[in-house]
Amino acid sequence: MSRMLTSILMIGSIGYFAFRYRYRLINVLLGSSWMRRLAVGSFMSFPGVKQKMMKSVFGGPSDW
């Protein structure tokens, strides 16, 4: 019982600090070029994300 309570408290405290310092953690993780490339590549692989981003950057077909 004590071991389970300790593990729950540890997971909770890690989650709390990760949420509190989330922007610092993101900056540290994305500071590396290969991690940034991996994050962008995996984000662009979601269905519809790439299409929406390309449409907002380059615009859709004009209606004139």
Protein backbone atom coordinates (compact mmCIF):
# COMPACT_ATOMS: atom_id res chain seq x y z
CA MET A 1 0.00 0.00 0.00
CA SER A 2 2.82 2.38 0.87
CA ARG A 3 4.62 1.63 -2.38
CA MET A 4 1.50 2.38 -4.42
CA LEU A 5 0.90 5.63 -2.55
CA THR A 6 4.51 6.67 -3.10
CA SER A 7 4.31 5.97 -6.82
CA ILE A 8 1.03 7.92 -7.12
CA LEU A 9 2.59 10.88 -5.32
CA MET A 10 5.69 10.76 -7.52
CA ILE A 11 3.66 10.63 -10.74
CA GLY A 12 1.47 13.47 -9.50
CA SER A 13 4.41 15.67 -8.55
CA ILE A 14 6.16 15.01 -11.88
CA GLY A 15 2.93 15.88 -13.71
CA TYR A 16 2.57 19.06 -11.65
CA PHE A 17 6.09 20.27 -12.40
CA ALA A 18 5.81 19.30 -16.07
CA PHE A 19 2.61 21.36 -16.33
CA ARG A 20 4.06 24.28 -14.40
CA TYR A 21 7.24 24.48 -16.47
CA ARG A 22 5.73 23.24 -19.76
CA TYR A 23 6.95 26.15 -21.87
CA ARG A 24 10.51 25.83 -20.58
CA LEU A 25 10.40 22.10 -21.31
CA ILE A 26 9.12 22.72 -24.85
CA ASN A 27 11.88 25.28 -25.47
CA VAL A 28 14.54 22.86 -24.24
CA LEU A 29 13.16 19.99 -26.32
CA LEU A 30 12.74 22.03 -29.50
CA GLY A 31 16.13 23.69 -29.10
CA SER A 32 17.73 20.73 -30.83
CA SER A 33 17.40 20.73 -34.61
CA TRP A 34 16.73 17.00 -34.94
CA MET A 35 14.05 17.10 -32.22
CA ARG A 36 12.42 20.08 -33.94
CA ARG A 37 12.47 18.22 -37.26
CA LEU A 38 10.96 15.15 -35.62
CA ALA A 39 8.20 17.20 -33.93
CA VAL A 40 7.27 19.08 -37.11
CA GLY A 41 7.33 15.90 -39.19
CA SER A 42 5.09 14.03 -36.80
CA PHE A 43 2.71 17.01 -36.49
CA MET A 44 2.43 17.32 -40.26
CA SER A 45 1.61 13.61 -40.57
CA PHE A 46 -1.75 14.12 -38.84
CA PRO A 47 -4.63 13.92 -41.32
CA GLY A 48 -5.69 17.33 -42.59
CA VAL A 49 -3.05 19.37 -40.77
CA LYS A 50 -0.72 19.67 -43.73
CA GLN A 51 -3.55 20.60 -46.08
CA LYS A 52 -4.93 23.28 -43.74
CA MET A 53 -1.48 24.73 -43.11
CA MET A 54 -0.59 24.89 -46.80
CA LYS A 55 -3.95 26.49 -47.55
CA SER A 56 -3.43 29.17 -44.91
CA VAL A 57 0.15 29.88 -45.98
CA PHE A 58 -0.25 29.85 -49.76
CA GLY A 59 -3.97 30.49 -50.04
CA GLY A 60 -6.55 28.51 -51.90
CA PRO A 61 -7.68 28.95 -55.48
CA SER A 62 -8.93 32.45 -56.15
CA ASP A 63 -12.54 33.01 -57.15
CA TRP A 64 -12.31 35.66 -59.90
